[in-house]
PDB file of N, CA and C in Angstrom:
ATOM      1  N   MET A   1      91.169  12.333 -62.575  1.00  0.00           N
ATOM      2  CA  MET A   1      89.770  12.656 -62.407  1.00  0.00           C
ATOM      3  C   MET A   1      89.598  13.428 -61.106  1.00  0.00           C
ATOM      4  N   VAL A   2      88.712  14.396 -61.147  1.00  0.00           N
ATOM      5  CA  VAL A   2      88.380  15.181 -59.966  1.00  0.00           C
ATOM      6  C   VAL A   2      86.941  14.838 -59.579  1.00  0.00           C
ATOM      7  N   ILE A   3      86.745  14.436 -58.344  1.00  0.00           N
ATOM      8  CA  ILE A   3      85.411  14.176 -57.821  1.00  0.00           C
ATOM      9  C   ILE A   3      85.206  15.109 -56.630  1.00  0.00           C
ATOM     10  N   PRO A   4      84.387  16.156 -56.812  1.00  0.00           N
ATOM     11  CA  PRO A   4      84.137  17.102 -55.725  1.00  0.00           C
ATOM     12  C   PRO A   4      83.508  16.413 -54.506  1.00  0.00           C
ATOM     13  N   ASP A   5      83.710  17.014 -53.336  1.00  0.00           N
ATOM     14  CA  ASP A   5      83.210  16.432 -52.086  1.00  0.00           C
ATOM     15  C   ASP A   5      81.709  16.169 -52.106  1.00  0.00           C
ATOM     16  N   ARG A   6      80.924  17.079 -52.665  1.00  0.00           N
ATOM     17  CA  ARG A   6      79.463  16.891 -52.675  1.00  0.00           C
ATOM     18  C   ARG A   6      79.073  15.670 -53.501  1.00  0.00           C
ATOM     19  N   LEU A   7      79.788  15.440 -54.617  1.00  0.00           N
ATOM     20  CA  LEU A   7      79.483  14.291 -55.447  1.00  0.00           C
ATOM     21  C   LEU A   7      79.969  13.004 -54.783  1.00  0.00           C
ATOM     22  N   ARG A   8      81.125  13.077 -54.150  1.00  0.00           N
ATOM     23  CA  ARG A   8      81.623  11.908 -53.413  1.00  0.00           C
ATOM     24  C   ARG A   8      80.626  11.510 -52.332  1.00  0.00           C
ATOM     25  N   ALA A   9      80.036  12.498 -51.656  1.00  0.00           N
ATOM     26  CA  ALA A   9      79.031  12.212 -50.622  1.00  0.00           C
ATOM     27  C   ALA A   9      77.822  11.496 -51.225  1.00  0.00           C
ATOM     28  N   GLU A  10      77.434  11.864 -52.448  1.00  0.00           N
ATOM     29  CA  GLU A  10      76.325  11.187 -53.119  1.00  0.00           C
ATOM     30  C   GLU A  10      76.668   9.721 -53.387  1.00  0.00           C
ATOM     31  N   LEU A  11      77.899   9.451 -53.812  1.00  0.00           N
ATOM     32  CA  LEU A  11      78.335   8.080 -54.072  1.00  0.00           C
ATOM     33  C   LEU A  11      78.274   7.248 -52.796  1.00  0.00           C
ATOM     34  N   VAL A  12      78.800   7.813 -51.709  1.00  0.00           N
ATOM     35  CA  VAL A  12      78.814   7.109 -50.426  1.00  0.00           C
ATOM     36  C   VAL A  12      77.387   6.849 -49.949  1.00  0.00           C
ATOM     37  N   GLU A  13      76.540   7.858 -50.033  1.00  0.00           N
ATOM     38  CA  GLU A  13      75.152   7.699 -49.574  1.00  0.00           C
ATOM     39  C   GLU A  13      74.436   6.606 -50.370  1.00  0.00           C
ATOM     40  N   HIS A  14      74.603   6.616 -51.685  1.00  0.00           N
ATOM     41  CA  HIS A  14      73.963   5.588 -52.507  1.00  0.00           C
ATOM     42  C   HIS A  14      74.481   4.202 -52.130  1.00  0.00           C
ATOM     43  N   ALA A  15      75.792   4.073 -51.962  1.00  0.00           N
ATOM     44  CA  ALA A  15      76.377   2.778 -51.607  1.00  0.00           C
ATOM     45  C   ALA A  15      75.872   2.287 -50.254  1.00  0.00           C
ATOM     46  N   LEU A  16      75.770   3.179 -49.288  1.00  0.00           N
ATOM     47  CA  LEU A  16      75.264   2.784 -47.967  1.00  0.00           C
ATOM     48  C   LEU A  16      73.800   2.355 -48.039  1.00  0.00           C
ATOM     49  N   ASN A  17      73.013   3.068 -48.835  1.00  0.00           N
ATOM     50  CA  ASN A  17      71.591   2.747 -48.962  1.00  0.00           C
ATOM     51  C   ASN A  17      71.333   1.428 -49.677  1.00  0.00           C
ATOM     52  N   GLU A  18      72.249   1.004 -50.524  1.00  0.00           N
ATOM     53  CA  GLU A  18      72.060  -0.225 -51.299  1.00  0.00           C
ATOM     54  C   GLU A  18      72.534  -1.489 -50.577  1.00  0.00           C
ATOM     55  N   ARG A  19      73.220  -1.323 -49.448  1.00  0.00           N
ATOM     56  CA  ARG A  19      73.680  -2.515 -48.726  1.00  0.00           C
ATOM     57  C   ARG A  19      72.507  -3.420 -48.425  1.00  0.00           C
ATOM     58  N   PRO A  20      72.635  -4.711 -48.499  1.00  0.00           N
ATOM     59  CA  PRO A  20      73.873  -5.493 -48.602  1.00  0.00           C
ATOM     60  C   PRO A  20      74.347  -5.744 -50.033  1.00  0.00           C
ATOM     61  N   ASN A  21      73.760  -5.086 -51.021  1.00  0.00           N
ATOM     62  CA  ASN A  21      74.181  -5.285 -52.407  1.00  0.00           C
ATOM     63  C   ASN A  21      75.127  -4.181 -52.855  1.00  0.00           C
ATOM     64  N   GLU A  22      75.829  -4.447 -53.938  1.00  0.00           N
ATOM     65  CA  GLU A  22      76.659  -3.416 -54.542  1.00  0.00           C
ATOM     66  C   GLU A  22      75.758  -2.349 -55.153  1.00  0.00           C
ATOM     67  N   ALA A  23      76.161  -1.102 -55.034  1.00  0.00           N
ATOM     68  CA  ALA A  23      75.471   0.006 -55.687  1.00  0.00           C
ATOM     69  C   ALA A  23      76.160   0.249 -57.029  1.00  0.00           C
ATOM     70  N   CYS A  24      75.441   0.898 -57.954  1.00  0.00           N
ATOM     71  CA  CYS A  24      76.052   1.233 -59.227  1.00  0.00           C
ATOM     72  C   CYS A  24      75.333   2.429 -59.843  1.00  0.00           C
ATOM     73  N   GLY A  25      76.029   3.103 -60.734  1.00  0.00           N
ATOM     74  CA  GLY A  25      75.464   4.264 -61.404  1.00  0.00           C
ATOM     75  C   GLY A  25      76.464   4.840 -62.385  1.00  0.00           C
ATOM     76  N   LEU A  26      76.160   6.010 -62.902  1.00  0.00           N
ATOM     77  CA  LEU A  26      77.029   6.684 -63.857  1.00  0.00           C
ATOM     78  C   LEU A  26      77.443   8.050 -63.329  1.00  0.00           C
ATOM     79  N   ILE A  27      78.701   8.362 -63.523  1.00  0.00           N
ATOM     80  CA  ILE A  27      79.235   9.676 -63.185  1.00  0.00           C
ATOM     81  C   ILE A  27      79.434  10.414 -64.504  1.00  0.00           C
ATOM     82  N   LEU A  28      78.925  11.635 -64.568  1.00  0.00           N
ATOM     83  CA  LEU A  28      79.064  12.453 -65.767  1.00  0.00           C
ATOM     84  C   LEU A  28      80.240  13.399 -65.579  1.00  0.00           C
ATOM     85  N   LEU A  29      81.201  13.295 -66.489  1.00  0.00           N
ATOM     86  CA  LEU A  29      82.432  14.074 -66.425  1.00  0.00           C
ATOM     87  C   LEU A  29      82.490  15.071 -67.570  1.00  0.00           C
ATOM     88  N   ARG A  30      83.093  16.190 -67.264  1.00  0.00           N
ATOM     89  CA  ARG A  30      83.409  17.162 -68.304  1.00  0.00           C
ATOM     90  C   ARG A  30      84.843  17.603 -68.043  1.00  0.00           C
ATOM     91  N   GLU A  31      85.711  17.357 -69.029  1.00  0.00           N
ATOM     92  CA  GLU A  31      87.131  17.688 -68.922  1.00  0.00           C
ATOM     93  C   GLU A  31      87.753  17.120 -67.656  1.00  0.00           C
ATOM     94  N   GLY A  32      87.391  15.879 -67.336  1.00  0.00           N
ATOM     95  CA  GLY A  32      87.997  15.183 -66.206  1.00  0.00           C
ATOM     96  C   GLY A  32      87.422  15.490 -64.843  1.00  0.00           C
ATOM     97  N   THR A  33      86.427  16.363 -64.785  1.00  0.00           N
ATOM     98  CA  THR A  33      85.804  16.714 -63.504  1.00  0.00           C
ATOM     99  C   THR A  33      84.390  16.158 -63.458  1.00  0.00           C
ATOM    100  N   ALA A  34      84.082  15.455 -62.380  1.00  0.00           N
ATOM    101  CA  ALA A  34      82.746  14.897 -62.193  1.00  0.00           C
ATOM    102  C   ALA A  34      81.773  16.028 -61.886  1.00  0.00           C
ATOM    103  N   GLU A  35      80.726  16.124 -62.705  1.00  0.00           N
ATOM    104  CA  GLU A  35      79.726  17.179 -62.517  1.00  0.00           C
ATOM    105  C   GLU A  35      78.417  16.656 -61.945  1.00  0.00           C
ATOM    106  N   ARG A  36      78.132  15.393 -62.198  1.00  0.00           N
ATOM    107  CA  ARG A  36      76.833  14.861 -61.783  1.00  0.00           C
ATOM    108  C   ARG A  36      76.908  13.358 -61.604  1.00  0.00           C
ATOM    109  N   TYR A  37      76.106  12.836 -60.674  1.00  0.00           N
ATOM    110  CA  TYR A  37      75.989  11.396 -60.470  1.00  0.00           C
ATOM    111  C   TYR A  37      74.556  10.979 -60.759  1.00  0.00           C
ATOM    112  N   VAL A  38      74.411   9.934 -61.560  1.00  0.00           N
ATOM    113  CA  VAL A  38      73.098   9.377 -61.879  1.00  0.00           C
ATOM    114  C   VAL A  38      73.041   7.983 -61.261  1.00  0.00           C
ATOM    115  N   PRO A  39      72.343   7.834 -60.124  1.00  0.00           N
ATOM    116  CA  PRO A  39      72.252   6.519 -59.499  1.00  0.00           C
ATOM    117  C   PRO A  39      71.563   5.529 -60.424  1.00  0.00           C
ATOM    118  N   GLY A  40      72.066   4.323 -60.435  1.00  0.00           N
ATOM    119  CA  GLY A  40      71.452   3.250 -61.191  1.00  0.00           C
ATOM    120  C   GLY A  40      70.867   2.225 -60.239  1.00  0.00           C
ATOM    121  N   ARG A  41      70.382   1.161 -60.825  1.00  0.00           N
ATOM    122  CA  ARG A  41      69.862   0.037 -60.061  1.00  0.00           C
ATOM    123  C   ARG A  41      70.718  -1.168 -60.388  1.00  0.00           C
ATOM    124  N   ASN A  42      71.089  -1.917 -59.366  1.00  0.00           N
ATOM    125  CA  ASN A  42      71.849  -3.139 -59.577  1.00  0.00           C
ATOM    126  C   ASN A  42      70.859  -4.250 -59.902  1.00  0.00           C
ATOM    127  N   ALA A  43      70.696  -4.528 -61.190  1.00  0.00           N
ATOM    128  CA  ALA A  43      69.739  -5.546 -61.628  1.00  0.00           C
ATOM    129  C   ALA A  43      70.123  -6.933 -61.126  1.00  0.00           C
ATOM    130  N   ALA A  44      71.388  -7.140 -60.774  1.00  0.00           N
ATOM    131  CA  ALA A  44      71.825  -8.431 -60.236  1.00  0.00           C
ATOM    132  C   ALA A  44      71.433  -8.586 -58.771  1.00  0.00           C
ATOM    133  N   ALA A  45      71.145  -7.466 -58.092  1.00  0.00           N
ATOM    134  CA  ALA A  45      70.793  -7.491 -56.662  1.00  0.00           C
ATOM    135  C   ALA A  45      71.744  -8.412 -55.897  1.00  0.00           C
ATOM    136  N   SER A  46      73.038  -8.139 -56.034  1.00  0.00           N
ATOM    137  CA  SER A  46      74.070  -9.007 -55.475  1.00  0.00           C
ATOM    138  C   SER A  46      75.115  -8.213 -54.702  1.00  0.00           C
ATOM    139  N   PRO A  47      75.652  -8.795 -53.633  1.00  0.00           N
ATOM    140  CA  PRO A  47      76.759  -8.150 -52.933  1.00  0.00           C
ATOM    141  C   PRO A  47      78.120  -8.427 -53.585  1.00  0.00           C
ATOM    142  N   TYR A  48      78.142  -9.242 -54.657  1.00  0.00           N
ATOM    143  CA  TYR A  48      79.400  -9.656 -55.274  1.00  0.00           C
ATOM    144  C   TYR A  48      79.593  -9.186 -56.708  1.00  0.00           C
ATOM    145  N   ARG A  49      78.535  -8.677 -57.335  1.00  0.00           N
ATOM    146  CA  ARG A  49      78.642  -8.202 -58.714  1.00  0.00           C
ATOM    147  C   ARG A  49      77.495  -7.228 -58.974  1.00  0.00           C
ATOM    148  N   PHE A  50      77.597  -6.538 -60.100  1.00  0.00           N
ATOM    149  CA  PHE A  50      76.519  -5.611 -60.432  1.00  0.00           C
ATOM    150  C   PHE A  50      76.197  -5.696 -61.920  1.00  0.00           C
ATOM    151  N   GLU A  51      74.962  -5.382 -62.231  1.00  0.00           N
ATOM    152  CA  GLU A  51      74.495  -5.213 -63.600  1.00  0.00           C
ATOM    153  C   GLU A  51      73.801  -3.860 -63.620  1.00  0.00           C
ATOM    154  N   LEU A  52      74.428  -2.897 -64.253  1.00  0.00           N
ATOM    155  CA  LEU A  52      73.944  -1.522 -64.249  1.00  0.00           C
ATOM    156  C   LEU A  52      72.651  -1.371 -65.044  1.00  0.00           C
ATOM    157  N   ASP A  53      71.626  -0.896 -64.363  1.00  0.00           N
ATOM    158  CA  ASP A  53      70.350  -0.570 -64.992  1.00  0.00           C
ATOM    159  C   ASP A  53      70.118   0.913 -64.722  1.00  0.00           C
ATOM    160  N   VAL A  54      70.132   1.698 -65.802  1.00  0.00           N
ATOM    161  CA  VAL A  54      69.979   3.142 -65.685  1.00  0.00           C
ATOM    162  C   VAL A  54      69.105   3.627 -66.843  1.00  0.00           C
ATOM    163  N   ASP A  55      68.465   4.746 -66.656  1.00  0.00           N
ATOM    164  CA  ASP A  55      67.621   5.328 -67.695  1.00  0.00           C
ATOM    165  C   ASP A  55      68.427   5.440 -68.994  1.00  0.00           C
ATOM    166  N   PRO A  56      67.954   4.840 -70.079  1.00  0.00           N
ATOM    167  CA  PRO A  56      68.702   4.877 -71.347  1.00  0.00           C
ATOM    168  C   PRO A  56      68.978   6.287 -71.859  1.00  0.00           C
ATOM    169  N   GLU A  57      68.184   7.262 -71.446  1.00  0.00           N
ATOM    170  CA  GLU A  57      68.405   8.642 -71.890  1.00  0.00           C
ATOM    171  C   GLU A  57      69.764   9.175 -71.425  1.00  0.00           C
ATOM    172  N   VAL A  58      70.298   8.629 -70.351  1.00  0.00           N
ATOM    173  CA  VAL A  58      71.592   9.083 -69.830  1.00  0.00           C
ATOM    174  C   VAL A  58      72.686   8.874 -70.866  1.00  0.00           C
ATOM    175  N   TRP A  59      72.592   7.809 -71.646  1.00  0.00           N
ATOM    176  CA  TRP A  59      73.624   7.518 -72.645  1.00  0.00           C
ATOM    177  C   TRP A  59      73.757   8.651 -73.654  1.00  0.00           C
ATOM    178  N   PHE A  60      72.663   9.337 -73.932  1.00  0.00           N
ATOM    179  CA  PHE A  60      72.695  10.408 -74.923  1.00  0.00           C
ATOM    180  C   PHE A  60      73.414  11.658 -74.418  1.00  0.00           C
ATOM    181  N   LEU A  61      73.722  11.714 -73.135  1.00  0.00           N
ATOM    182  CA  LEU A  61      74.448  12.864 -72.595  1.00  0.00           C
ATOM    183  C   LEU A  61      75.865  12.950 -73.155  1.00  0.00           C
ATOM    184  N   GLU A  62      76.368  11.841 -73.687  1.00  0.00           N
ATOM    185  CA  GLU A  62      77.662  11.893 -74.373  1.00  0.00           C
ATOM    186  C   GLU A  62      77.593  12.856 -75.561  1.00  0.00           C
ATOM    187  N   ASP A  63      76.427  12.936 -76.188  1.00  0.00           N
ATOM    188  CA  ASP A  63      76.249  13.871 -77.307  1.00  0.00           C
ATOM    189  C   ASP A  63      76.332  15.328 -76.862  1.00  0.00           C
ATOM    190  N   ASP A  64      76.134  15.565 -75.565  1.00  0.00           N
ATOM    191  CA  ASP A  64      76.223  16.923 -75.001  1.00  0.00           C
ATOM    192  C   ASP A  64      77.614  17.223 -74.454  1.00  0.00           C
ATOM    193  N   GLY A  65      78.572  16.343 -74.731  1.00  0.00           N
ATOM    194  CA  GLY A  65      79.947  16.592 -74.329  1.00  0.00           C
ATOM    195  C   GLY A  65      80.383  15.951 -73.030  1.00  0.00           C
ATOM    196  N   TYR A  66      79.522  15.158 -72.422  1.00  0.00           N
ATOM    197  CA  TYR A  66      79.912  14.480 -71.186  1.00  0.00           C
ATOM    198  C   TYR A  66      80.653  13.186 -71.497  1.00  0.00           C
ATOM    199  N   GLU A  67      81.597  12.845 -70.642  1.00  0.00           N
ATOM    200  CA  GLU A  67      82.205  11.523 -70.645  1.00  0.00           C
ATOM    201  C   GLU A  67      81.517  10.745 -69.531  1.00  0.00           C
ATOM    202  N   LEU A  68      81.137   9.508 -69.789  1.00  0.00           N
ATOM    203  CA  LEU A  68      80.468   8.692 -68.783  1.00  0.00           C
ATOM    204  C   LEU A  68      81.472   7.767 -68.113  1.00  0.00           C
ATOM    205  N   ALA A  69      81.387   7.709 -66.800  1.00  0.00           N
ATOM    206  CA  ALA A  69      82.202   6.786 -66.017  1.00  0.00           C
ATOM    207  C   ALA A  69      81.260   5.897 -65.225  1.00  0.00           C
ATOM    208  N   VAL A  70      81.561   4.622 -65.178  1.00  0.00           N
ATOM    209  CA  VAL A  70      80.748   3.712 -64.381  1.00  0.00           C
ATOM    210  C   VAL A  70      81.233   3.771 -62.939  1.00  0.00           C
ATOM    211  N   PHE A  71      80.280   3.680 -62.018  1.00  0.00           N
ATOM    212  CA  PHE A  71      80.580   3.652 -60.591  1.00  0.00           C
ATOM    213  C   PHE A  71      79.945   2.401 -60.002  1.00  0.00           C
ATOM    214  N   HIS A  72      80.659   1.768 -59.094  1.00  0.00           N
ATOM    215  CA  HIS A  72      80.035   0.739 -58.271  1.00  0.00           C
ATOM    216  C   HIS A  72      80.786   0.618 -56.958  1.00  0.00           C
ATOM    217  N   SER A  73      80.127  -0.037 -56.011  1.00  0.00           N
ATOM    218  CA  SER A  73      80.719  -0.183 -54.681  1.00  0.00           C
ATOM    219  C   SER A  73      81.143  -1.621 -54.428  1.00  0.00           C
ATOM    220  N   HIS A  74      82.151  -1.747 -53.592  1.00  0.00           N
ATOM    221  CA  HIS A  74      82.545  -3.032 -53.019  1.00  0.00           C
ATOM    222  C   HIS A  74      82.240  -2.914 -51.527  1.00  0.00           C
ATOM    223  N   LEU A  75      81.572  -3.893 -50.983  1.00  0.00           N
ATOM    224  CA  LEU A  75      81.154  -3.797 -49.585  1.00  0.00           C
ATOM    225  C   LEU A  75      82.329  -3.805 -48.620  1.00  0.00           C
ATOM    226  N   SER A  76      83.313  -4.654 -48.859  1.00  0.00           N
ATOM    227  CA  SER A  76      84.444  -4.681 -47.928  1.00  0.00           C
ATOM    228  C   SER A  76      85.777  -4.918 -48.622  1.00  0.00           C
ATOM    229  N   SER A  77      85.770  -5.293 -49.887  1.00  0.00           N
ATOM    230  CA  SER A  77      87.041  -5.532 -50.567  1.00  0.00           C
ATOM    231  C   SER A  77      87.635  -4.212 -51.056  1.00  0.00           C
ATOM    232  N   PRO A  78      88.922  -4.215 -51.310  1.00  0.00           N
ATOM    233  CA  PRO A  78      89.601  -2.977 -51.744  1.00  0.00           C
ATOM    234  C   PRO A  78      88.958  -2.404 -53.008  1.00  0.00           C
ATOM    235  N   PRO A  79      89.101  -1.088 -53.221  1.00  0.00           N
ATOM    236  CA  PRO A  79      88.506  -0.453 -54.395  1.00  0.00           C
ATOM    237  C   PRO A  79      89.365  -0.654 -55.645  1.00  0.00           C
ATOM    238  N   ARG A  80      89.541  -1.896 -56.001  1.00  0.00           N
ATOM    239  CA  ARG A  80      90.240  -2.227 -57.240  1.00  0.00           C
ATOM    240  C   ARG A  80      89.404  -3.267 -57.977  1.00  0.00           C
ATOM    241  N   PRO A  81      89.516  -3.311 -59.294  1.00  0.00           N
ATOM    242  CA  PRO A  81      88.680  -4.222 -60.072  1.00  0.00           C
ATOM    243  C   PRO A  81      88.888  -5.679 -59.666  1.00  0.00           C
ATOM    244  N   SER A  82      87.787  -6.357 -59.458  1.00  0.00           N
ATOM    245  CA  SER A  82      87.831  -7.783 -59.165  1.00  0.00           C
ATOM    246  C   SER A  82      87.944  -8.547 -60.482  1.00  0.00           C
ATOM    247  N   ARG A  83      88.178  -9.830 -60.388  1.00  0.00           N
ATOM    248  CA  ARG A  83      88.217 -10.667 -61.589  1.00  0.00           C
ATOM    249  C   ARG A  83      86.886 -10.558 -62.341  1.00  0.00           C
ATOM    250  N   THR A  84      85.777 -10.548 -61.581  1.00  0.00           N
ATOM    251  CA  THR A  84      84.450 -10.401 -62.193  1.00  0.00           C
ATOM    252  C   THR A  84      84.333  -9.068 -62.923  1.00  0.00           C
ATOM    253  N   ASP A  85      84.823  -7.985 -62.324  1.00  0.00           N
ATOM    254  CA  ASP A  85      84.793  -6.673 -62.973  1.00  0.00           C
ATOM    255  C   ASP A  85      85.536  -6.716 -64.312  1.00  0.00           C
ATOM    256  N   VAL A  86      86.724  -7.295 -64.305  1.00  0.00           N
ATOM    257  CA  VAL A  86      87.553  -7.345 -65.513  1.00  0.00           C
ATOM    258  C   VAL A  86      86.896  -8.215 -66.583  1.00  0.00           C
ATOM    259  N   GLU A  87      86.364  -9.360 -66.170  1.00  0.00           N
ATOM    260  CA  GLU A  87      85.749 -10.279 -67.136  1.00  0.00           C
ATOM    261  C   GLU A  87      84.467  -9.714 -67.740  1.00  0.00           C
ATOM    262  N   ASN A  88      83.755  -8.875 -66.986  1.00  0.00           N
ATOM    263  CA  ASN A  88      82.474  -8.352 -67.453  1.00  0.00           C
ATOM    264  C   ASN A  88      82.542  -6.881 -67.875  1.00  0.00           C
ATOM    265  N   ILE A  89      83.713  -6.382 -68.259  1.00  0.00           N
ATOM    266  CA  ILE A  89      83.881  -4.966 -68.539  1.00  0.00           C
ATOM    267  C   ILE A  89      83.037  -4.506 -69.735  1.00  0.00           C
ATOM    268  N   GLY A  90      82.906  -5.304 -70.753  1.00  0.00           N
ATOM    269  CA  GLY A  90      82.018  -5.001 -71.880  1.00  0.00           C
ATOM    270  C   GLY A  90      82.153  -3.588 -72.418  1.00  0.00           C
ATOM    271  N   LEU A  91      81.052  -2.838 -72.409  1.00  0.00           N
ATOM    272  CA  LEU A  91      81.006  -1.473 -72.948  1.00  0.00           C
ATOM    273  C   LEU A  91      81.914  -0.496 -72.212  1.00  0.00           C
ATOM    274  N   TRP A  92      82.341  -0.866 -71.021  1.00  0.00           N
ATOM    275  CA  TRP A  92      83.122   0.062 -70.208  1.00  0.00           C
ATOM    276  C   TRP A  92      84.620  -0.039 -70.442  1.00  0.00           C
ATOM    277  N   ALA A  93      85.038  -0.910 -71.346  1.00  0.00           N
ATOM    278  CA  ALA A  93      86.471  -1.061 -71.625  1.00  0.00           C
ATOM    279  C   ALA A  93      87.072   0.286 -72.018  1.00  0.00           C
ATOM    280  N   GLY A  94      88.144   0.661 -71.340  1.00  0.00           N
ATOM    281  CA  GLY A  94      88.861   1.896 -71.631  1.00  0.00           C
ATOM    282  C   GLY A  94      88.259   3.155 -71.058  1.00  0.00           C
ATOM    283  N   ARG A  95      87.106   3.048 -70.421  1.00  0.00           N
ATOM    284  CA  ARG A  95      86.447   4.222 -69.827  1.00  0.00           C
ATOM    285  C   ARG A  95      86.773   4.280 -68.334  1.00  0.00           C
ATOM    286  N   PRO A  96      86.586   5.435 -67.709  1.00  0.00           N
ATOM    287  CA  PRO A  96      86.809   5.519 -66.258  1.00  0.00           C
ATOM    288  C   PRO A  96      85.873   4.566 -65.513  1.00  0.00           C
ATOM    289  N   TYR A  97      86.427   3.903 -64.519  1.00  0.00           N
ATOM    290  CA  TYR A  97      85.733   2.875 -63.752  1.00  0.00           C
ATOM    291  C   TYR A  97      86.009   3.182 -62.285  1.00  0.00           C
ATOM    292  N   VAL A  98      85.020   3.693 -61.584  1.00  0.00           N
ATOM    293  CA  VAL A  98      85.188   4.207 -60.226  1.00  0.00           C
ATOM    294  C   VAL A  98      84.638   3.193 -59.220  1.00  0.00           C
ATOM    295  N   ILE A  99      85.439   2.878 -58.208  1.00  0.00           N
ATOM    296  CA  ILE A  99      85.033   1.891 -57.203  1.00  0.00           C
ATOM    297  C   ILE A  99      85.184   2.499 -55.813  1.00  0.00           C
ATOM    298  N   LEU A 100      84.159   2.289 -54.993  1.00  0.00           N
ATOM    299  CA  LEU A 100      84.162   2.740 -53.603  1.00  0.00           C
ATOM    300  C   LEU A 100      84.151   1.539 -52.674  1.00  0.00           C
ATOM    301  N   ASN A 101      85.072   1.513 -51.710  1.00  0.00           N
ATOM    302  CA  ASN A 101      85.026   0.519 -50.644  1.00  0.00           C
ATOM    303  C   ASN A 101      84.114   1.087 -49.562  1.00  0.00           C
ATOM    304  N   VAL A 102      82.950   0.477 -49.370  1.00  0.00           N
ATOM    305  CA  VAL A 102      81.953   0.999 -48.430  1.00  0.00           C
ATOM    306  C   VAL A 102      82.482   0.977 -47.005  1.00  0.00           C
ATOM    307  N   ARG A 103      83.209  -0.058 -46.649  1.00  0.00           N
ATOM    308  CA  ARG A 103      83.688  -0.197 -45.271  1.00  0.00           C
ATOM    309  C   ARG A 103      84.690   0.893 -44.890  1.00  0.00           C
ATOM    310  N   THR A 104      85.606   1.226 -45.811  1.00  0.00           N
ATOM    311  CA  THR A 104      86.665   2.186 -45.483  1.00  0.00           C
ATOM    312  C   THR A 104      86.423   3.586 -46.056  1.00  0.00           C
ATOM    313  N   GLY A 105      85.542   3.680 -47.059  1.00  0.00           N
ATOM    314  CA  GLY A 105      85.313   4.965 -47.718  1.00  0.00           C
ATOM    315  C   GLY A 105      86.334   5.289 -48.793  1.00  0.00           C
ATOM    316  N   GLU A 106      87.280   4.389 -49.020  1.00  0.00           N
ATOM    317  CA  GLU A 106      88.313   4.623 -50.028  1.00  0.00           C
ATOM    318  C   GLU A 106      87.702   4.559 -51.431  1.00  0.00           C
ATOM    319  N   LEU A 107      88.104   5.498 -52.266  1.00  0.00           N
ATOM    320  CA  LEU A 107      87.593   5.618 -53.628  1.00  0.00           C
ATOM    321  C   LEU A 107      88.777   5.540 -54.587  1.00  0.00           C
ATOM    322  N   ALA A 108      88.610   4.819 -55.699  1.00  0.00           N
ATOM    323  CA  ALA A 108      89.687   4.702 -56.676  1.00  0.00           C
ATOM    324  C   ALA A 108      89.110   4.685 -58.086  1.00  0.00           C
ATOM    325  N   VAL A 109      89.939   5.124 -59.037  1.00  0.00           N
ATOM    326  CA  VAL A 109      89.542   5.157 -60.443  1.00  0.00           C
ATOM    327  C   VAL A 109      90.500   4.278 -61.239  1.00  0.00           C
ATOM    328  N   TRP A 110      89.933   3.528 -62.170  1.00  0.00           N
ATOM    329  CA  TRP A 110      90.688   2.606 -63.005  1.00  0.00           C
ATOM    330  C   TRP A 110      90.250   2.742 -64.453  1.00  0.00           C
ATOM    331  N   ARG A 111      91.067   2.232 -65.333  1.00  0.00           N
ATOM    332  CA  ARG A 111      90.662   1.975 -66.720  1.00  0.00           C
ATOM    333  C   ARG A 111      91.022   0.517 -66.965  1.00  0.00           C
ATOM    334  N   ILE A 112      90.057  -0.213 -67.488  1.00  0.00           N
ATOM    335  CA  ILE A 112      90.244  -1.640 -67.738  1.00  0.00           C
ATOM    336  C   ILE A 112      90.177  -1.851 -69.247  1.00  0.00           C
ATOM    337  N   SER A 113      91.208  -2.504 -69.780  1.00  0.00           N
ATOM    338  CA  SER A 113      91.245  -2.767 -71.201  1.00  0.00           C
ATOM    339  C   SER A 113      92.123  -3.980 -71.468  1.00  0.00           C
ATOM    340  N   ASP A 114      91.662  -4.866 -72.326  1.00  0.00           N
ATOM    341  CA  ASP A 114      92.422  -6.057 -72.699  1.00  0.00           C
ATOM    342  C   ASP A 114      92.878  -6.856 -71.478  1.00  0.00           C
ATOM    343  N   GLY A 115      92.036  -6.948 -70.459  1.00  0.00           N
ATOM    344  CA  GLY A 115      92.340  -7.741 -69.270  1.00  0.00           C
ATOM    345  C   GLY A 115      93.244  -7.071 -68.264  1.00  0.00           C
ATOM    346  N   ALA A 116      93.690  -5.854 -68.554  1.00  0.00           N
ATOM    347  CA  ALA A 116      94.573  -5.131 -67.632  1.00  0.00           C
ATOM    348  C   ALA A 116      93.832  -3.988 -66.961  1.00  0.00           C
ATOM    349  N   SER A 117      94.098  -3.796 -65.675  1.00  0.00           N
ATOM    350  CA  SER A 117      93.512  -2.705 -64.899  1.00  0.00           C
ATOM    351  C   SER A 117      94.597  -1.690 -64.580  1.00  0.00           C
ATOM    352  N   VAL A 118      94.386  -0.452 -65.013  1.00  0.00           N
ATOM    353  CA  VAL A 118      95.396   0.603 -64.822  1.00  0.00           C
ATOM    354  C   VAL A 118      94.782   1.675 -63.921  1.00  0.00           C
ATOM    355  N   PRO A 119      95.441   1.982 -62.783  1.00  0.00           N
ATOM    356  CA  PRO A 119      94.906   3.031 -61.904  1.00  0.00           C
ATOM    357  C   PRO A 119      95.035   4.405 -62.552  1.00  0.00           C
ATOM    358  N   GLU A 120      94.078   5.267 -62.230  1.00  0.00           N
ATOM    359  CA  GLU A 120      94.057   6.651 -62.716  1.00  0.00           C
ATOM    360  C   GLU A 120      94.182   7.579 -61.504  1.00  0.00           C
ATOM    361  N   PRO A 121      94.771   8.749 -61.685  1.00  0.00           N
ATOM    362  CA  PRO A 121      94.844   9.704 -60.583  1.00  0.00           C
ATOM    363  C   PRO A 121      93.455  10.207 -60.195  1.00  0.00           C
ATOM    364  N   LEU A 122      93.272  10.431 -58.908  1.00  0.00           N
ATOM    365  CA  LEU A 122      91.992  10.912 -58.377  1.00  0.00           C
ATOM    366  C   LEU A 122      92.260  12.020 -57.379  1.00  0.00           C
ATOM    367  N   THR A 123      91.553  13.146 -57.539  1.00  0.00           N
ATOM    368  CA  THR A 123      91.685  14.237 -56.587  1.00  0.00           C
ATOM    369  C   THR A 123      90.305  14.707 -56.172  1.00  0.00           C
TER     370      THR A 123
END
């Protein structure tokens, strides 16, 4: 996955603004490149987990050829899926799953399926 600097800055800004809770949203990809970020609301309002609340119209962008990737932040833990992330993967199983460590700025991409988390290349 390619995440351009301007989009990465949007992810960081959203995560910083949502502290002390985790931020979340959707990244719109086309052919593996992130083109747009749609900030969501963390309905859980928690620093330890997230429940993505986003305009339902965003889901229809898949019909326009976009691949949707979920994004969320971890306040200080490494940017890898937590047990909670894996257990609550639901609709996101097998899709790109992007995590930002707010403290370090480190960003990572994963795919979670059948209880396994597999890292994806990120540039």
